[in-house]
Amino acid sequence: MREKFLEQLEKVNVNVQELLARDTEAVEKLVEDIKTGRVELLKNVETFEDESHQLNRTAEHAVMMLLLRQQPVADDLHALTSSLAIFRNLVRIAIQATECHKLWIQLPKEDRKYPLLEKQGGLVVEMAKTLQIGVETRSVDVLRKITEQDDLVDEVFLEVKEKIVTDIQEKTINASVAVDLLLMGKYFEKMGDHLSSIARHQLRLIERKW
């Protein structure tokens, strides 16, 4: 019975890797569109979001079935709770990537070039890829790097806000564009926060420190 439980728990970890890979790809496509000024790479954003929700529901169902079918000890219960938190963070990243791309699509073509957003998004992609390595290898050292990377994302968001204020003062962008760009920067910041949260939960799963 115990071996079966651990086997199913490992499948949950595989689901985490699959969802993280999808999120990483989505953010990477978004950043590439920002870099090139295109709106092509993540066209079916609604489909992506719906599929992410479905995958999340499937993963959460697997965790709940483990709770119902087994009689987990306290340590296992903490592990399953962390897994649920990870899935929720992953689906939020998918939602934010989708919303970010929608904002990018509606920007006027002449305003689809903002290097600081490209820089911030690129840092989020680096975070996601680092997290992928940490999850796959269960490396404590790699997972602990995520917090430092998240600090960099936050720092660039401050630069984004300052640049937007300057652009408004110099009248190089209008208020509507400024709001959309600011929201995109905020979404990138939140993606970084969710990736950092996932890293913390993964560390708890590895170190069994609840």
C-alpha atoms as a PDB file:
ATOM      1  CA  MET A   1       0.000   0.000   0.000  1.00  0.00           C
ATOM      2  CA  ARG A   2       2.805   2.397   0.928  1.00  0.00           C
ATOM      3  CA  GLU A   3       4.706   1.665  -2.285  1.00  0.00           C
ATOM      4  CA  LYS A   4       1.566   2.385  -4.323  1.00  0.00           C
ATOM      5  CA  PHE A   5       1.120   5.705  -2.543  1.00  0.00           C
ATOM      6  CA  LEU A   6       4.716   6.764  -3.266  1.00  0.00           C
ATOM      7  CA  GLU A   7       4.338   5.692  -6.900  1.00  0.00           C
ATOM      8  CA  GLN A   8       1.230   7.844  -7.309  1.00  0.00           C
ATOM      9  CA  LEU A   9       2.934  10.728  -5.522  1.00  0.00           C
ATOM     10  CA  GLU A  10       5.745  10.545  -8.082  1.00  0.00           C
ATOM     11  CA  LYS A  11       3.146  10.821 -10.877  1.00  0.00           C
ATOM     12  CA  VAL A  12       1.989  14.054  -9.274  1.00  0.00           C
ATOM     13  CA  ASN A  13       5.554  15.363  -9.612  1.00  0.00           C
ATOM     14  CA  VAL A  14       5.514  14.438 -13.313  1.00  0.00           C
ATOM     15  CA  ASN A  15       2.313  16.479 -13.702  1.00  0.00           C
ATOM     16  CA  VAL A  16       4.101  19.432 -12.124  1.00  0.00           C
ATOM     17  CA  GLN A  17       6.904  19.134 -14.666  1.00  0.00           C
ATOM     18  CA  GLU A  18       4.429  19.005 -17.580  1.00  0.00           C
ATOM     19  CA  LEU A  19       2.504  22.077 -16.440  1.00  0.00           C
ATOM     20  CA  LEU A  20       5.720  23.971 -15.729  1.00  0.00           C
ATOM     21  CA  ALA A  21       7.025  23.167 -19.217  1.00  0.00           C
ATOM     22  CA  ARG A  22       3.791  24.535 -20.758  1.00  0.00           C
ATOM     23  CA  ASP A  23       3.973  27.715 -18.718  1.00  0.00           C
ATOM     24  CA  THR A  24       7.641  28.222 -19.587  1.00  0.00           C
ATOM     25  CA  GLU A  25       6.912  27.821 -23.295  1.00  0.00           C
ATOM     26  CA  ALA A  26       4.024  30.283 -23.132  1.00  0.00           C
ATOM     27  CA  VAL A  27       6.058  32.976 -21.375  1.00  0.00           C
ATOM     28  CA  GLU A  28       8.964  32.393 -23.750  1.00  0.00           C
ATOM     29  CA  LYS A  29       6.682  32.917 -26.772  1.00  0.00           C
ATOM     30  CA  LEU A  30       5.278  36.063 -25.190  1.00  0.00           C
ATOM     31  CA  VAL A  31       8.771  37.487 -24.620  1.00  0.00           C
ATOM     32  CA  GLU A  32       9.768  36.644 -28.192  1.00  0.00           C
ATOM     33  CA  ASP A  33       6.722  38.564 -29.471  1.00  0.00           C
ATOM     34  CA  ILE A  34       7.692  41.541 -27.294  1.00  0.00           C
ATOM     35  CA  LYS A  35      11.227  41.362 -28.650  1.00  0.00           C
ATOM     36  CA  THR A  36      10.107  41.297 -32.285  1.00  0.00           C
ATOM     37  CA  GLY A  37       6.987  43.461 -31.987  1.00  0.00           C
ATOM     38  CA  ARG A  38       4.872  40.609 -33.349  1.00  0.00           C
ATOM     39  CA  VAL A  39       1.648  39.076 -32.021  1.00  0.00           C
ATOM     40  CA  GLU A  40       2.038  35.658 -33.614  1.00  0.00           C
ATOM     41  CA  LEU A  41       3.578  33.089 -31.317  1.00  0.00           C
ATOM     42  CA  LEU A  42       0.832  32.635 -28.745  1.00  0.00           C
ATOM     43  CA  LYS A  43      -2.195  33.130 -30.970  1.00  0.00           C
ATOM     44  CA  ASN A  44      -4.649  30.723 -29.347  1.00  0.00           C
ATOM     45  CA  VAL A  45      -4.378  32.249 -25.897  1.00  0.00           C
ATOM     46  CA  GLU A  46      -7.888  31.276 -24.804  1.00  0.00           C
ATOM     47  CA  THR A  47      -7.255  27.657 -25.838  1.00  0.00           C
ATOM     48  CA  PHE A  48      -3.981  27.640 -23.927  1.00  0.00           C
ATOM     49  CA  GLU A  49      -5.681  28.973 -20.796  1.00  0.00           C
ATOM     50  CA  ASP A  50      -8.534  26.435 -21.041  1.00  0.00           C
ATOM     51  CA  GLU A  51      -6.096  23.555 -21.514  1.00  0.00           C
ATOM     52  CA  SER A  52      -4.045  24.731 -18.546  1.00  0.00           C
ATOM     53  CA  HIS A  53      -7.155  24.811 -16.366  1.00  0.00           C
ATOM     54  CA  GLN A  54      -8.048  21.294 -17.494  1.00  0.00           C
ATOM     55  CA  LEU A  55      -4.565  19.955 -16.778  1.00  0.00           C
ATOM     56  CA  ASN A  56      -4.643  21.622 -13.377  1.00  0.00           C
ATOM     57  CA  ARG A  57      -8.028  20.078 -12.549  1.00  0.00           C
ATOM     58  CA  THR A  58      -6.721  16.646 -13.576  1.00  0.00           C
ATOM     59  CA  ALA A  59      -3.632  17.067 -11.400  1.00  0.00           C
ATOM     60  CA  GLU A  60      -5.633  18.326  -8.419  1.00  0.00           C
ATOM     61  CA  HIS A  61      -8.043  15.403  -8.830  1.00  0.00           C
ATOM     62  CA  ALA A  62      -5.095  12.998  -8.667  1.00  0.00           C
ATOM     63  CA  VAL A  63      -3.951  14.589  -5.401  1.00  0.00           C
ATOM     64  CA  MET A  64      -7.445  14.468  -3.890  1.00  0.00           C
ATOM     65  CA  MET A  65      -7.809  10.792  -4.847  1.00  0.00           C
ATOM     66  CA  LEU A  66      -4.559  10.082  -3.032  1.00  0.00           C
ATOM     67  CA  LEU A  67      -6.030  11.701   0.054  1.00  0.00           C
ATOM     68  CA  LEU A  68      -9.239   9.673  -0.207  1.00  0.00           C
ATOM     69  CA  ARG A  69      -7.803   6.291  -1.110  1.00  0.00           C
ATOM     70  CA  GLN A  70      -4.833   6.286   1.228  1.00  0.00           C
ATOM     71  CA  GLN A  71      -4.449   7.125   4.880  1.00  0.00           C
ATOM     72  CA  PRO A  72      -1.523   9.515   4.682  1.00  0.00           C
ATOM     73  CA  VAL A  73       0.499  10.282   7.772  1.00  0.00           C
ATOM     74  CA  ALA A  74       1.081  13.926   8.712  1.00  0.00           C
ATOM     75  CA  ASP A  75       4.238  14.140   6.616  1.00  0.00           C
ATOM     76  CA  ASP A  76       2.410  12.869   3.532  1.00  0.00           C
ATOM     77  CA  LEU A  77      -0.443  15.286   4.150  1.00  0.00           C
ATOM     78  CA  HIS A  78       1.987  18.195   4.142  1.00  0.00           C
ATOM     79  CA  ALA A  79       3.473  16.892   0.878  1.00  0.00           C
ATOM     80  CA  LEU A  80       0.058  16.692  -0.794  1.00  0.00           C
ATOM     81  CA  THR A  81      -0.864  20.168   0.456  1.00  0.00           C
ATOM     82  CA  SER A  82       2.351  21.562  -1.049  1.00  0.00           C
ATOM     83  CA  SER A  83       1.567  19.793  -4.326  1.00  0.00           C
ATOM     84  CA  LEU A  84      -1.861  21.435  -4.459  1.00  0.00           C
ATOM     85  CA  ALA A  85      -0.269  24.840  -3.800  1.00  0.00           C
ATOM     86  CA  ILE A  86       2.200  24.231  -6.637  1.00  0.00           C
ATOM     87  CA  PHE A  87      -0.590  23.415  -9.099  1.00  0.00           C
ATOM     88  CA  ARG A  88      -2.487  26.565  -8.142  1.00  0.00           C
ATOM     89  CA  ASN A  89       0.616  28.671  -8.711  1.00  0.00           C
ATOM     90  CA  LEU A  90       1.157  27.034 -12.101  1.00  0.00           C
ATOM     91  CA  VAL A  91      -2.368  27.759 -13.312  1.00  0.00           C
ATOM     92  CA  ARG A  92      -2.045  31.380 -12.161  1.00  0.00           C
ATOM     93  CA  ILE A  93       1.107  31.740 -14.254  1.00  0.00           C
ATOM     94  CA  ALA A  94      -0.810  30.395 -17.262  1.00  0.00           C
ATOM     95  CA  ILE A  95      -3.626  32.904 -16.668  1.00  0.00           C
ATOM     96  CA  GLN A  96      -1.200  35.808 -16.285  1.00  0.00           C
ATOM     97  CA  ALA A  97       0.753  34.856 -19.412  1.00  0.00           C
ATOM     98  CA  THR A  98      -2.539  34.743 -21.305  1.00  0.00           C
ATOM     99  CA  GLU A  99      -3.710  38.111 -19.991  1.00  0.00           C
ATOM    100  CA  CYS A 100      -0.316  39.631 -20.727  1.00  0.00           C
ATOM    101  CA  HIS A 101      -0.475  38.467 -24.334  1.00  0.00           C
ATOM    102  CA  LYS A 102      -4.000  39.849 -24.728  1.00  0.00           C
ATOM    103  CA  LEU A 103      -2.723  43.244 -23.608  1.00  0.00           C
ATOM    104  CA  TRP A 104       0.179  43.001 -26.058  1.00  0.00           C
ATOM    105  CA  ILE A 105      -2.145  42.166 -28.936  1.00  0.00           C
ATOM    106  CA  GLN A 106      -4.348  45.211 -28.351  1.00  0.00           C
ATOM    107  CA  LEU A 107      -1.429  47.667 -28.262  1.00  0.00           C
ATOM    108  CA  PRO A 108      -1.005  49.856 -31.357  1.00  0.00           C
ATOM    109  CA  LYS A 109       1.681  48.431 -33.627  1.00  0.00           C
ATOM    110  CA  GLU A 110       3.944  51.447 -33.133  1.00  0.00           C
ATOM    111  CA  ASP A 111       3.923  50.864 -29.358  1.00  0.00           C
ATOM    112  CA  ARG A 112       4.835  47.167 -29.544  1.00  0.00           C
ATOM    113  CA  LYS A 113       8.448  47.733 -28.594  1.00  0.00           C
ATOM    114  CA  TYR A 114       9.409  48.105 -24.944  1.00  0.00           C
ATOM    115  CA  PRO A 115      12.908  46.815 -24.135  1.00  0.00           C
ATOM    116  CA  LEU A 116      12.421  46.903 -20.363  1.00  0.00           C
ATOM    117  CA  LEU A 117       9.423  44.584 -20.619  1.00  0.00           C
ATOM    118  CA  GLU A 118      11.483  42.305 -22.833  1.00  0.00           C
ATOM    119  CA  LYS A 119      14.201  42.353 -20.170  1.00  0.00           C
ATOM    120  CA  GLN A 120      11.745  41.642 -17.343  1.00  0.00           C
ATOM    121  CA  GLY A 121      10.032  38.865 -19.279  1.00  0.00           C
ATOM    122  CA  GLY A 122      13.396  37.360 -20.163  1.00  0.00           C
ATOM    123  CA  LEU A 123      14.250  37.157 -16.460  1.00  0.00           C
ATOM    124  CA  VAL A 124      10.956  35.364 -15.800  1.00  0.00           C
ATOM    125  CA  VAL A 125      11.816  32.851 -18.536  1.00  0.00           C
ATOM    126  CA  GLU A 126      15.230  32.308 -16.901  1.00  0.00           C
ATOM    127  CA  MET A 127      13.469  31.724 -13.577  1.00  0.00           C
ATOM    128  CA  ALA A 128      11.100  29.197 -15.126  1.00  0.00           C
ATOM    129  CA  LYS A 129      13.945  27.304 -16.785  1.00  0.00           C
ATOM    130  CA  THR A 130      15.955  27.275 -13.565  1.00  0.00           C
ATOM    131  CA  LEU A 131      12.887  25.968 -11.756  1.00  0.00           C
ATOM    132  CA  GLN A 132      12.461  23.231 -14.369  1.00  0.00           C
ATOM    133  CA  ILE A 133      16.004  22.056 -13.667  1.00  0.00           C
ATOM    134  CA  GLY A 134      15.427  22.234  -9.916  1.00  0.00           C
ATOM    135  CA  VAL A 135      12.194  20.228 -10.098  1.00  0.00           C
ATOM    136  CA  GLU A 136      13.627  17.583 -12.427  1.00  0.00           C
ATOM    137  CA  THR A 137      16.892  17.126 -10.524  1.00  0.00           C
ATOM    138  CA  ARG A 138      15.461  17.843  -7.048  1.00  0.00           C
ATOM    139  CA  SER A 139      18.459  20.111  -6.516  1.00  0.00           C
ATOM    140  CA  VAL A 140      18.195  22.223  -3.369  1.00  0.00           C
ATOM    141  CA  ASP A 141      20.954  24.580  -4.554  1.00  0.00           C
ATOM    142  CA  VAL A 142      19.226  25.244  -7.879  1.00  0.00           C
ATOM    143  CA  LEU A 143      15.841  25.842  -6.239  1.00  0.00           C
ATOM    144  CA  ARG A 144      17.363  28.347  -3.813  1.00  0.00           C
ATOM    145  CA  LYS A 145      18.613  30.446  -6.736  1.00  0.00           C
ATOM    146  CA  ILE A 146      15.006  31.228  -7.645  1.00  0.00           C
ATOM    147  CA  THR A 147      14.615  33.797  -4.846  1.00  0.00           C
ATOM    148  CA  GLU A 148      17.604  35.775  -6.117  1.00  0.00           C
ATOM    149  CA  GLN A 149      16.200  35.710  -9.655  1.00  0.00           C
ATOM    150  CA  ASP A 150      12.813  36.890  -8.371  1.00  0.00           C
ATOM    151  CA  ASP A 151      14.495  39.907  -6.763  1.00  0.00           C
ATOM    152  CA  LEU A 152      15.897  40.849 -10.181  1.00  0.00           C
ATOM    153  CA  VAL A 153      12.426  40.637 -11.748  1.00  0.00           C
ATOM    154  CA  ASP A 154      11.108  42.986  -9.036  1.00  0.00           C
ATOM    155  CA  GLU A 155      13.966  45.420  -9.621  1.00  0.00           C
ATOM    156  CA  VAL A 156      13.263  45.603 -13.347  1.00  0.00           C
ATOM    157  CA  PHE A 157       9.561  46.183 -12.628  1.00  0.00           C
ATOM    158  CA  LEU A 158      10.579  49.316 -10.709  1.00  0.00           C
ATOM    159  CA  GLU A 159      12.532  50.398 -13.793  1.00  0.00           C
ATOM    160  CA  VAL A 160       9.467  49.724 -15.961  1.00  0.00           C
ATOM    161  CA  LYS A 161       7.307  51.945 -13.747  1.00  0.00           C
ATOM    162  CA  GLU A 162       9.869  54.754 -13.784  1.00  0.00           C
ATOM    163  CA  LYS A 163      10.215  54.542 -17.570  1.00  0.00           C
ATOM    164  CA  ILE A 164       6.458  54.655 -18.072  1.00  0.00           C
ATOM    165  CA  VAL A 165       6.186  57.761 -15.881  1.00  0.00           C
ATOM    166  CA  THR A 166       8.961  59.417 -17.905  1.00  0.00           C
ATOM    167  CA  ASP A 167       7.309  58.456 -21.200  1.00  0.00           C
ATOM    168  CA  ILE A 168       3.995  59.947 -20.048  1.00  0.00           C
ATOM    169  CA  GLN A 169       5.714  63.166 -18.998  1.00  0.00           C
ATOM    170  CA  GLU A 170       7.492  63.361 -22.336  1.00  0.00           C
ATOM    171  CA  LYS A 171       4.255  62.458 -24.132  1.00  0.00           C
ATOM    172  CA  THR A 172       5.831  59.595 -26.064  1.00  0.00           C
ATOM    173  CA  ILE A 173       2.982  57.253 -25.047  1.00  0.00           C
ATOM    174  CA  ASN A 174      -0.652  57.918 -24.213  1.00  0.00           C
ATOM    175  CA  ALA A 175      -2.396  56.997 -20.961  1.00  0.00           C
ATOM    176  CA  SER A 176      -4.100  53.897 -22.370  1.00  0.00           C
ATOM    177  CA  VAL A 177      -0.820  52.416 -23.621  1.00  0.00           C
ATOM    178  CA  ALA A 178       0.869  53.319 -20.336  1.00  0.00           C
ATOM    179  CA  VAL A 179      -1.747  51.394 -18.341  1.00  0.00           C
ATOM    180  CA  ASP A 180      -1.411  48.321 -20.567  1.00  0.00           C
ATOM    181  CA  LEU A 181       2.394  48.341 -20.322  1.00  0.00           C
ATOM    182  CA  LEU A 182       2.221  48.782 -16.554  1.00  0.00           C
ATOM    183  CA  LEU A 183      -0.187  45.858 -16.252  1.00  0.00           C
ATOM    184  CA  MET A 184       2.137  43.692 -18.329  1.00  0.00           C
ATOM    185  CA  GLY A 185       5.011  44.566 -16.027  1.00  0.00           C
ATOM    186  CA  LYS A 186       2.858  43.704 -13.025  1.00  0.00           C
ATOM    187  CA  TYR A 187       1.899  40.361 -14.572  1.00  0.00           C
ATOM    188  CA  PHE A 188       5.562  39.525 -15.103  1.00  0.00           C
ATOM    189  CA  GLU A 189       6.267  40.468 -11.484  1.00  0.00           C
ATOM    190  CA  LYS A 190       3.456  38.166 -10.281  1.00  0.00           C
ATOM    191  CA  MET A 191       4.711  35.321 -12.483  1.00  0.00           C
ATOM    192  CA  GLY A 192       8.059  35.674 -10.738  1.00  0.00           C
ATOM    193  CA  ASP A 193       6.320  35.553  -7.353  1.00  0.00           C
ATOM    194  CA  HIS A 194       4.479  32.351  -8.307  1.00  0.00           C
ATOM    195  CA  LEU A 195       7.661  30.704  -9.576  1.00  0.00           C
ATOM    196  CA  SER A 196       9.366  31.638  -6.314  1.00  0.00           C
ATOM    197  CA  SER A 197       6.450  30.167  -4.359  1.00  0.00           C
ATOM    198  CA  ILE A 198       6.703  26.914  -6.329  1.00  0.00           C
ATOM    199  CA  ALA A 199      10.429  26.738  -5.556  1.00  0.00           C
ATOM    200  CA  ARG A 200       9.726  27.142  -1.830  1.00  0.00           C
ATOM    201  CA  HIS A 201       7.138  24.352  -1.890  1.00  0.00           C
ATOM    202  CA  GLN A 202       9.514  22.114  -3.831  1.00  0.00           C
ATOM    203  CA  LEU A 203      12.182  22.722  -1.200  1.00  0.00           C
ATOM    204  CA  ARG A 204       9.727  21.668   1.494  1.00  0.00           C
ATOM    205  CA  LEU A 205       8.937  18.509  -0.451  1.00  0.00           C
ATOM    206  CA  ILE A 206      12.639  17.655  -0.741  1.00  0.00           C
ATOM    207  CA  GLU A 207      13.781  18.650   2.737  1.00  0.00           C
ATOM    208  CA  ARG A 208      10.567  17.609   4.518  1.00  0.00           C
ATOM    209  CA  LYS A 209      10.639  20.856   6.498  1.00  0.00           C
ATOM    210  CA  TRP A 210       7.045  21.933   7.021  1.00  0.00           C
END
